[in-house]
């Protein structure tokens, strides 16, 4: 049972593209279309269910299915985080702390269930469900962290992206040159790529007077859809070519 994407450089490129698209498309619903954070969260959570159920029922890895769920978690994570931080007025720091506590509780429950946290060892539907719950929570946490770095910390969108990018480089070096837990590095990187994408998304969409580039949510989303779509097509071709080669060898 191998239903999850392999962790390669392409995985991280697609993750950042998906998280950036999740930021711009979430803002498109809640702000540009003026649906509000609560309604947008309900709509996008419904989209999450529509994507995750086929993924859980699938018998093998399908790139389109997998990345559809990743995208849906980034979209709903954006609006849930904004609802907590802005509508409920928890603030970015308190919202991040609450979401971090929830994520750690999910990991603790996962560990107590007797299943390893390594994503390449997920072999049951129950563990895969925990994986997707953790993904949803980590993407929501990442949104709150991104807003904290870009706004409350005073770094701005570009400064926040540079800081998080630097942390990701440190994690990459740790993965190659230290004995630090690869599982911990993966989950740290997974959380941090979300604010990295979120700050880039805000950098593109926000107006010039707010420190952004003024591209807008619609144009930014269309560009990112094209980029992510191209990557999914390539990942699908790569996956099925590899499967055909393995079948030929047998």
C-alpha atoms as a PDB file:
ATOM      1  CA  UNK A   1       0.000   0.000   0.000  1.00  0.00           C
ATOM      2  CA  UNK A   2       1.923   2.990  -1.300  1.00  0.00           C
ATOM      3  CA  UNK A   3      -0.564   5.814  -1.870  1.00  0.00           C
ATOM      4  CA  UNK A   4       1.520   8.873  -1.007  1.00  0.00           C
ATOM      5  CA  UNK A   5       3.842  10.922  -3.173  1.00  0.00           C
ATOM      6  CA  UNK A   6       7.568  10.111  -2.966  1.00  0.00           C
ATOM      7  CA  UNK A   7       9.587  12.759  -1.117  1.00  0.00           C
ATOM      8  CA  UNK A   8      11.819  14.215  -3.817  1.00  0.00           C
ATOM      9  CA  UNK A   9      12.834  17.710  -4.937  1.00  0.00           C
ATOM     10  CA  UNK A  10       9.758  17.739  -7.205  1.00  0.00           C
ATOM     11  CA  UNK A  11       7.585  17.046  -4.148  1.00  0.00           C
ATOM     12  CA  UNK A  12       8.820  20.181  -2.382  1.00  0.00           C
ATOM     13  CA  UNK A  13       8.489  22.338  -5.511  1.00  0.00           C
ATOM     14  CA  UNK A  14       4.882  21.173  -5.915  1.00  0.00           C
ATOM     15  CA  UNK A  15       4.192  21.633  -2.197  1.00  0.00           C
ATOM     16  CA  UNK A  16       5.332  25.263  -2.312  1.00  0.00           C
ATOM     17  CA  UNK A  17       3.326  25.890  -5.501  1.00  0.00           C
ATOM     18  CA  UNK A  18       0.230  24.285  -3.946  1.00  0.00           C
ATOM     19  CA  UNK A  19       0.555  26.259  -0.717  1.00  0.00           C
ATOM     20  CA  UNK A  20       1.024  29.529  -2.581  1.00  0.00           C
ATOM     21  CA  UNK A  21      -2.033  28.724  -4.705  1.00  0.00           C
ATOM     22  CA  UNK A  22      -3.949  27.828  -1.554  1.00  0.00           C
ATOM     23  CA  UNK A  23      -3.167  31.267  -0.149  1.00  0.00           C
ATOM     24  CA  UNK A  24      -4.219  33.179  -3.273  1.00  0.00           C
ATOM     25  CA  UNK A  25      -7.350  31.095  -3.946  1.00  0.00           C
ATOM     26  CA  UNK A  26      -8.431  31.180  -0.296  1.00  0.00           C
ATOM     27  CA  UNK A  27      -8.099  34.978  -0.339  1.00  0.00           C
ATOM     28  CA  UNK A  28      -9.961  35.009  -3.669  1.00  0.00           C
ATOM     29  CA  UNK A  29     -13.027  33.463  -2.029  1.00  0.00           C
ATOM     30  CA  UNK A  30     -12.940  35.206   1.328  1.00  0.00           C
ATOM     31  CA  UNK A  31     -11.785  38.678   0.261  1.00  0.00           C
ATOM     32  CA  UNK A  32     -12.052  39.263  -3.501  1.00  0.00           C
ATOM     33  CA  UNK A  33     -15.460  37.537  -3.783  1.00  0.00           C
ATOM     34  CA  UNK A  34     -16.323  38.840  -0.296  1.00  0.00           C
ATOM     35  CA  UNK A  35     -17.716  35.533   1.035  1.00  0.00           C
ATOM     36  CA  UNK A  36     -16.056  36.057   4.400  1.00  0.00           C
ATOM     37  CA  UNK A  37     -13.796  33.689   6.317  1.00  0.00           C
ATOM     38  CA  UNK A  38     -16.533  31.549   7.921  1.00  0.00           C
ATOM     39  CA  UNK A  39     -18.478  30.833   4.708  1.00  0.00           C
ATOM     40  CA  UNK A  40     -15.272  30.327   2.719  1.00  0.00           C
ATOM     41  CA  UNK A  41     -14.026  27.863   5.343  1.00  0.00           C
ATOM     42  CA  UNK A  42     -17.236  25.827   5.097  1.00  0.00           C
ATOM     43  CA  UNK A  43     -17.127  25.813   1.294  1.00  0.00           C
ATOM     44  CA  UNK A  44     -13.472  24.819   1.181  1.00  0.00           C
ATOM     45  CA  UNK A  45     -13.845  22.187   3.912  1.00  0.00           C
ATOM     46  CA  UNK A  46     -16.493  20.618   1.697  1.00  0.00           C
ATOM     47  CA  UNK A  47     -13.942  20.661  -1.139  1.00  0.00           C
ATOM     48  CA  UNK A  48     -11.430  18.993   1.203  1.00  0.00           C
ATOM     49  CA  UNK A  49     -13.905  16.166   1.911  1.00  0.00           C
ATOM     50  CA  UNK A  50     -14.576  15.741  -1.818  1.00  0.00           C
ATOM     51  CA  UNK A  51     -10.860  15.244  -2.431  1.00  0.00           C
ATOM     52  CA  UNK A  52      -9.776  13.262   0.628  1.00  0.00           C
ATOM     53  CA  UNK A  53     -12.508  10.586   0.456  1.00  0.00           C
ATOM     54  CA  UNK A  54     -11.470   9.316  -3.024  1.00  0.00           C
ATOM     55  CA  UNK A  55      -7.827   9.414  -1.879  1.00  0.00           C
ATOM     56  CA  UNK A  56      -8.635   7.275   1.175  1.00  0.00           C
ATOM     57  CA  UNK A  57     -10.638   4.817  -0.947  1.00  0.00           C
ATOM     58  CA  UNK A  58      -7.953   4.515  -3.628  1.00  0.00           C
ATOM     59  CA  UNK A  59      -5.819   1.362  -3.685  1.00  0.00           C
ATOM     60  CA  UNK A  60      -2.632   2.978  -5.008  1.00  0.00           C
ATOM     61  CA  UNK A  61      -0.931   6.311  -5.554  1.00  0.00           C
ATOM     62  CA  UNK A  62      -2.550   8.661  -8.074  1.00  0.00           C
ATOM     63  CA  UNK A  63      -0.708  12.014  -8.400  1.00  0.00           C
ATOM     64  CA  UNK A  64      -3.860  13.943  -9.362  1.00  0.00           C
ATOM     65  CA  UNK A  65      -5.770  12.627  -6.339  1.00  0.00           C
ATOM     66  CA  UNK A  66      -2.901  13.197  -3.922  1.00  0.00           C
ATOM     67  CA  UNK A  67      -2.138  16.752  -4.983  1.00  0.00           C
ATOM     68  CA  UNK A  68      -5.829  17.648  -5.081  1.00  0.00           C
ATOM     69  CA  UNK A  69      -5.986  16.845  -1.367  1.00  0.00           C
ATOM     70  CA  UNK A  70      -2.803  18.810  -0.647  1.00  0.00           C
ATOM     71  CA  UNK A  71      -4.272  21.795  -2.507  1.00  0.00           C
ATOM     72  CA  UNK A  72      -7.601  21.565  -0.690  1.00  0.00           C
ATOM     73  CA  UNK A  73      -5.865  21.483   2.720  1.00  0.00           C
ATOM     74  CA  UNK A  74      -3.904  24.626   1.859  1.00  0.00           C
ATOM     75  CA  UNK A  75      -7.042  26.426   0.706  1.00  0.00           C
ATOM     76  CA  UNK A  76      -9.178  25.573   3.728  1.00  0.00           C
ATOM     77  CA  UNK A  77      -6.174  26.086   6.013  1.00  0.00           C
ATOM     78  CA  UNK A  78      -5.896  29.660   4.756  1.00  0.00           C
ATOM     79  CA  UNK A  79      -9.484  30.586   5.555  1.00  0.00           C
ATOM     80  CA  UNK A  80      -9.638  28.679   8.877  1.00  0.00           C
ATOM     81  CA  UNK A  81      -6.483  30.435  10.056  1.00  0.00           C
ATOM     82  CA  UNK A  82      -7.792  33.833   8.957  1.00  0.00           C
ATOM     83  CA  UNK A  83     -11.107  33.128  10.703  1.00  0.00           C
ATOM     84  CA  UNK A  84      -9.304  32.308  13.966  1.00  0.00           C
ATOM     85  CA  UNK A  85      -6.820  35.164  13.783  1.00  0.00           C
ATOM     86  CA  UNK A  86      -9.064  37.937  12.435  1.00  0.00           C
ATOM     87  CA  UNK A  87     -12.774  37.136  12.941  1.00  0.00           C
ATOM     88  CA  UNK A  88     -12.266  35.563  16.393  1.00  0.00           C
ATOM     89  CA  UNK A  89      -9.494  38.141  17.015  1.00  0.00           C
ATOM     90  CA  UNK A  90      -7.105  35.612  18.526  1.00  0.00           C
ATOM     91  CA  UNK A  91      -4.161  37.219  16.774  1.00  0.00           C
ATOM     92  CA  UNK A  92      -1.463  35.495  14.768  1.00  0.00           C
ATOM     93  CA  UNK A  93       0.725  34.491  17.706  1.00  0.00           C
ATOM     94  CA  UNK A  94      -2.077  33.038  19.845  1.00  0.00           C
ATOM     95  CA  UNK A  95      -3.659  31.372  16.823  1.00  0.00           C
ATOM     96  CA  UNK A  96      -0.302  29.799  15.922  1.00  0.00           C
ATOM     97  CA  UNK A  97       0.165  28.552  19.499  1.00  0.00           C
ATOM     98  CA  UNK A  98      -3.287  26.917  19.529  1.00  0.00           C
ATOM     99  CA  UNK A  99      -2.723  25.247  16.159  1.00  0.00           C
ATOM    100  CA  UNK A 100       0.744  24.043  17.215  1.00  0.00           C
ATOM    101  CA  UNK A 101      -0.789  22.462  20.322  1.00  0.00           C
ATOM    102  CA  UNK A 102      -3.415  20.695  18.185  1.00  0.00           C
ATOM    103  CA  UNK A 103      -0.753  19.436  15.762  1.00  0.00           C
ATOM    104  CA  UNK A 104       1.400  18.093  18.602  1.00  0.00           C
ATOM    105  CA  UNK A 105      -1.657  16.357  20.066  1.00  0.00           C
ATOM    106  CA  UNK A 106      -2.301  14.699  16.678  1.00  0.00           C
ATOM    107  CA  UNK A 107       1.317  13.491  16.555  1.00  0.00           C
ATOM    108  CA  UNK A 108       1.062  12.176  20.130  1.00  0.00           C
ATOM    109  CA  UNK A 109      -2.129  10.244  19.320  1.00  0.00           C
ATOM    110  CA  UNK A 110      -0.521   8.962  16.114  1.00  0.00           C
ATOM    111  CA  UNK A 111       2.520   7.764  18.054  1.00  0.00           C
ATOM    112  CA  UNK A 112       0.436   6.142  20.804  1.00  0.00           C
ATOM    113  CA  UNK A 113      -1.481   4.226  18.139  1.00  0.00           C
ATOM    114  CA  UNK A 114       1.717   2.260  17.553  1.00  0.00           C
ATOM    115  CA  UNK A 115       2.252   3.546  14.014  1.00  0.00           C
ATOM    116  CA  UNK A 116       5.493   5.266  12.917  1.00  0.00           C
ATOM    117  CA  UNK A 117       5.369   8.943  11.964  1.00  0.00           C
ATOM    118  CA  UNK A 118       7.540   8.286   8.898  1.00  0.00           C
ATOM    119  CA  UNK A 119       5.416   9.058   5.848  1.00  0.00           C
ATOM    120  CA  UNK A 120       7.103   6.353   3.762  1.00  0.00           C
ATOM    121  CA  UNK A 121       5.866   3.714   6.229  1.00  0.00           C
ATOM    122  CA  UNK A 122       2.156   4.525   6.110  1.00  0.00           C
ATOM    123  CA  UNK A 123       0.530   1.199   5.288  1.00  0.00           C
ATOM    124  CA  UNK A 124      -3.042   1.412   6.631  1.00  0.00           C
ATOM    125  CA  UNK A 125      -6.126   3.543   5.998  1.00  0.00           C
ATOM    126  CA  UNK A 126      -6.261   4.564   9.677  1.00  0.00           C
ATOM    127  CA  UNK A 127      -2.702   5.901   9.579  1.00  0.00           C
ATOM    128  CA  UNK A 128      -3.336   7.631   6.268  1.00  0.00           C
ATOM    129  CA  UNK A 129      -6.346   9.400   7.811  1.00  0.00           C
ATOM    130  CA  UNK A 130      -4.109  10.629  10.654  1.00  0.00           C
ATOM    131  CA  UNK A 131      -1.617  11.777   8.007  1.00  0.00           C
ATOM    132  CA  UNK A 132      -4.231  13.902   6.239  1.00  0.00           C
ATOM    133  CA  UNK A 133      -5.539  15.370   9.506  1.00  0.00           C
ATOM    134  CA  UNK A 134      -1.955  16.320  10.383  1.00  0.00           C
ATOM    135  CA  UNK A 135      -1.484  17.787   6.893  1.00  0.00           C
ATOM    136  CA  UNK A 136      -4.639  19.911   7.265  1.00  0.00           C
ATOM    137  CA  UNK A 137      -3.571  21.155  10.694  1.00  0.00           C
ATOM    138  CA  UNK A 138       0.020  21.846   9.618  1.00  0.00           C
ATOM    139  CA  UNK A 139      -1.139  23.874   6.611  1.00  0.00           C
ATOM    140  CA  UNK A 140      -3.479  25.882   8.852  1.00  0.00           C
ATOM    141  CA  UNK A 141      -0.625  26.454  11.317  1.00  0.00           C
ATOM    142  CA  UNK A 142       1.647  27.459   8.449  1.00  0.00           C
ATOM    143  CA  UNK A 143      -0.814  30.138   7.346  1.00  0.00           C
ATOM    144  CA  UNK A 144      -0.902  31.658  10.834  1.00  0.00           C
ATOM    145  CA  UNK A 145       2.904  31.582  11.051  1.00  0.00           C
ATOM    146  CA  UNK A 146       3.213  33.213   7.639  1.00  0.00           C
ATOM    147  CA  UNK A 147       0.902  36.043   8.675  1.00  0.00           C
ATOM    148  CA  UNK A 148       2.820  36.435  11.931  1.00  0.00           C
ATOM    149  CA  UNK A 149       6.187  36.732  10.161  1.00  0.00           C
ATOM    150  CA  UNK A 150       4.846  39.053   7.445  1.00  0.00           C
ATOM    151  CA  UNK A 151       2.726  41.288   9.687  1.00  0.00           C
ATOM    152  CA  UNK A 152       3.239  41.170  13.457  1.00  0.00           C
ATOM    153  CA  UNK A 153       7.012  40.618  13.326  1.00  0.00           C
ATOM    154  CA  UNK A 154       7.444  43.638  11.047  1.00  0.00           C
ATOM    155  CA  UNK A 155       9.467  41.701   8.464  1.00  0.00           C
ATOM    156  CA  UNK A 156       6.952  42.259   5.678  1.00  0.00           C
ATOM    157  CA  UNK A 157       6.116  39.779   2.916  1.00  0.00           C
ATOM    158  CA  UNK A 158       9.574  39.692   1.318  1.00  0.00           C
ATOM    159  CA  UNK A 159      11.377  39.635   4.667  1.00  0.00           C
ATOM    160  CA  UNK A 160       9.156  36.836   5.952  1.00  0.00           C
ATOM    161  CA  UNK A 161       9.769  34.777   2.815  1.00  0.00           C
ATOM    162  CA  UNK A 162      13.551  35.275   3.117  1.00  0.00           C
ATOM    163  CA  UNK A 163      13.574  34.264   6.789  1.00  0.00           C
ATOM    164  CA  UNK A 164      11.526  31.105   6.217  1.00  0.00           C
ATOM    165  CA  UNK A 165      13.527  30.301   3.100  1.00  0.00           C
ATOM    166  CA  UNK A 166      16.683  30.469   5.210  1.00  0.00           C
ATOM    167  CA  UNK A 167      15.184  28.084   7.768  1.00  0.00           C
ATOM    168  CA  UNK A 168      14.285  25.657   4.970  1.00  0.00           C
ATOM    169  CA  UNK A 169      17.882  25.753   3.719  1.00  0.00           C
ATOM    170  CA  UNK A 170      19.070  24.902   7.249  1.00  0.00           C
ATOM    171  CA  UNK A 171      16.672  21.938   7.346  1.00  0.00           C
ATOM    172  CA  UNK A 172      17.874  20.748   3.935  1.00  0.00           C
ATOM    173  CA  UNK A 173      21.494  20.864   5.128  1.00  0.00           C
ATOM    174  CA  UNK A 174      20.529  19.024   8.318  1.00  0.00           C
ATOM    175  CA  UNK A 175      18.860  16.288   6.271  1.00  0.00           C
ATOM    176  CA  UNK A 176      22.012  15.683   4.229  1.00  0.00           C
ATOM    177  CA  UNK A 177      24.822  16.346   6.695  1.00  0.00           C
ATOM    178  CA  UNK A 178      23.531  15.465  10.182  1.00  0.00           C
ATOM    179  CA  UNK A 179      21.938  12.518  11.934  1.00  0.00           C
ATOM    180  CA  UNK A 180      18.949  14.558  13.026  1.00  0.00           C
ATOM    181  CA  UNK A 181      15.664  12.646  12.699  1.00  0.00           C
ATOM    182  CA  UNK A 182      14.530  12.607   9.071  1.00  0.00           C
ATOM    183  CA  UNK A 183      10.927  12.316  10.274  1.00  0.00           C
ATOM    184  CA  UNK A 184      11.238  15.495  12.365  1.00  0.00           C
ATOM    185  CA  UNK A 185      12.959  17.305   9.482  1.00  0.00           C
ATOM    186  CA  UNK A 186      10.140  16.334   7.109  1.00  0.00           C
ATOM    187  CA  UNK A 187       7.395  17.660   9.382  1.00  0.00           C
ATOM    188  CA  UNK A 188       9.321  20.847  10.234  1.00  0.00           C
ATOM    189  CA  UNK A 189       9.835  21.441   6.509  1.00  0.00           C
ATOM    190  CA  UNK A 190       6.225  20.619   5.724  1.00  0.00           C
ATOM    191  CA  UNK A 191       4.981  23.188   8.228  1.00  0.00           C
ATOM    192  CA  UNK A 192       7.474  25.855   7.109  1.00  0.00           C
ATOM    193  CA  UNK A 193       6.782  25.497   3.380  1.00  0.00           C
ATOM    194  CA  UNK A 194       3.252  26.647   4.145  1.00  0.00           C
ATOM    195  CA  UNK A 195       4.217  30.119   5.487  1.00  0.00           C
ATOM    196  CA  UNK A 196       6.886  30.272   2.764  1.00  0.00           C
ATOM    197  CA  UNK A 197       4.136  29.850   0.151  1.00  0.00           C
ATOM    198  CA  UNK A 198       1.744  32.075   2.102  1.00  0.00           C
ATOM    199  CA  UNK A 199       4.179  35.001   2.260  1.00  0.00           C
ATOM    200  CA  UNK A 200       4.967  34.612  -1.432  1.00  0.00           C
ATOM    201  CA  UNK A 201       1.231  34.511  -2.179  1.00  0.00           C
ATOM    202  CA  UNK A 202       0.666  37.703  -0.208  1.00  0.00           C
ATOM    203  CA  UNK A 203       3.707  39.301  -1.852  1.00  0.00           C
ATOM    204  CA  UNK A 204       2.133  38.743  -5.278  1.00  0.00           C
ATOM    205  CA  UNK A 205      -1.494  39.553  -4.439  1.00  0.00           C
ATOM    206  CA  UNK A 206      -1.335  42.495  -2.025  1.00  0.00           C
ATOM    207  CA  UNK A 207      -1.376  46.051  -3.453  1.00  0.00           C
ATOM    208  CA  UNK A 208       1.828  48.063  -3.770  1.00  0.00           C
ATOM    209  CA  UNK A 209       0.928  50.352  -0.875  1.00  0.00           C
ATOM    210  CA  UNK A 210       0.704  47.291   1.411  1.00  0.00           C
ATOM    211  CA  UNK A 211       4.130  46.014   0.414  1.00  0.00           C
ATOM    212  CA  UNK A 212       2.979  43.593  -2.286  1.00  0.00           C
ATOM    213  CA  UNK A 213       3.460  43.471  -6.043  1.00  0.00           C
ATOM    214  CA  UNK A 214      -0.193  44.172  -6.884  1.00  0.00           C
ATOM    215  CA  UNK A 215      -0.665  41.174  -9.232  1.00  0.00           C
ATOM    216  CA  UNK A 216      -4.029  40.398  -7.616  1.00  0.00           C
ATOM    217  CA  UNK A 217      -5.635  37.164  -6.414  1.00  0.00           C
ATOM    218  CA  UNK A 218      -7.174  36.209  -9.776  1.00  0.00           C
ATOM    219  CA  UNK A 219      -4.037  36.626 -11.901  1.00  0.00           C
ATOM    220  CA  UNK A 220      -1.792  35.045  -9.262  1.00  0.00           C
ATOM    221  CA  UNK A 221      -4.118  32.072  -8.911  1.00  0.00           C
ATOM    222  CA  UNK A 222      -4.222  31.518 -12.682  1.00  0.00           C
ATOM    223  CA  UNK A 223      -0.424  31.580 -12.913  1.00  0.00           C
ATOM    224  CA  UNK A 224      -0.091  29.112 -10.042  1.00  0.00           C
ATOM    225  CA  UNK A 225      -2.783  26.807 -11.472  1.00  0.00           C
ATOM    226  CA  UNK A 226      -0.765  26.596 -14.683  1.00  0.00           C
ATOM    227  CA  UNK A 227       2.475  25.917 -12.775  1.00  0.00           C
ATOM    228  CA  UNK A 228       1.006  23.285 -10.461  1.00  0.00           C
ATOM    229  CA  UNK A 229      -0.943  21.673 -13.303  1.00  0.00           C
ATOM    230  CA  UNK A 230       2.249  21.316 -15.337  1.00  0.00           C
ATOM    231  CA  UNK A 231       4.031  19.741 -12.377  1.00  0.00           C
ATOM    232  CA  UNK A 232       1.158  17.282 -11.790  1.00  0.00           C
ATOM    233  CA  UNK A 233       1.207  16.229 -15.442  1.00  0.00           C
ATOM    234  CA  UNK A 234       4.964  15.636 -15.218  1.00  0.00           C
ATOM    235  CA  UNK A 235       4.643  13.747 -11.902  1.00  0.00           C
ATOM    236  CA  UNK A 236       1.890  11.563 -13.396  1.00  0.00           C
ATOM    237  CA  UNK A 237       3.984  10.784 -16.474  1.00  0.00           C
ATOM    238  CA  UNK A 238       7.012  10.038 -14.289  1.00  0.00           C
ATOM    239  CA  UNK A 239       4.993   7.765 -11.982  1.00  0.00           C
ATOM    240  CA  UNK A 240       3.391   5.671 -14.703  1.00  0.00           C
ATOM    241  CA  UNK A 241       6.625   5.462 -16.684  1.00  0.00           C
ATOM    242  CA  UNK A 242       8.335   4.084 -13.572  1.00  0.00           C
ATOM    243  CA  UNK A 243       5.492   1.612 -13.008  1.00  0.00           C
ATOM    244  CA  UNK A 244       5.724   0.402 -16.613  1.00  0.00           C
ATOM    245  CA  UNK A 245       9.503  -0.068 -16.310  1.00  0.00           C
ATOM    246  CA  UNK A 246       9.154  -2.050 -13.091  1.00  0.00           C
ATOM    247  CA  UNK A 247       6.478  -4.242 -14.660  1.00  0.00           C
ATOM    248  CA  UNK A 248       8.722  -4.863 -17.689  1.00  0.00           C
ATOM    249  CA  UNK A 249      11.626  -5.919 -15.435  1.00  0.00           C
ATOM    250  CA  UNK A 250       9.421  -8.435 -13.660  1.00  0.00           C
END
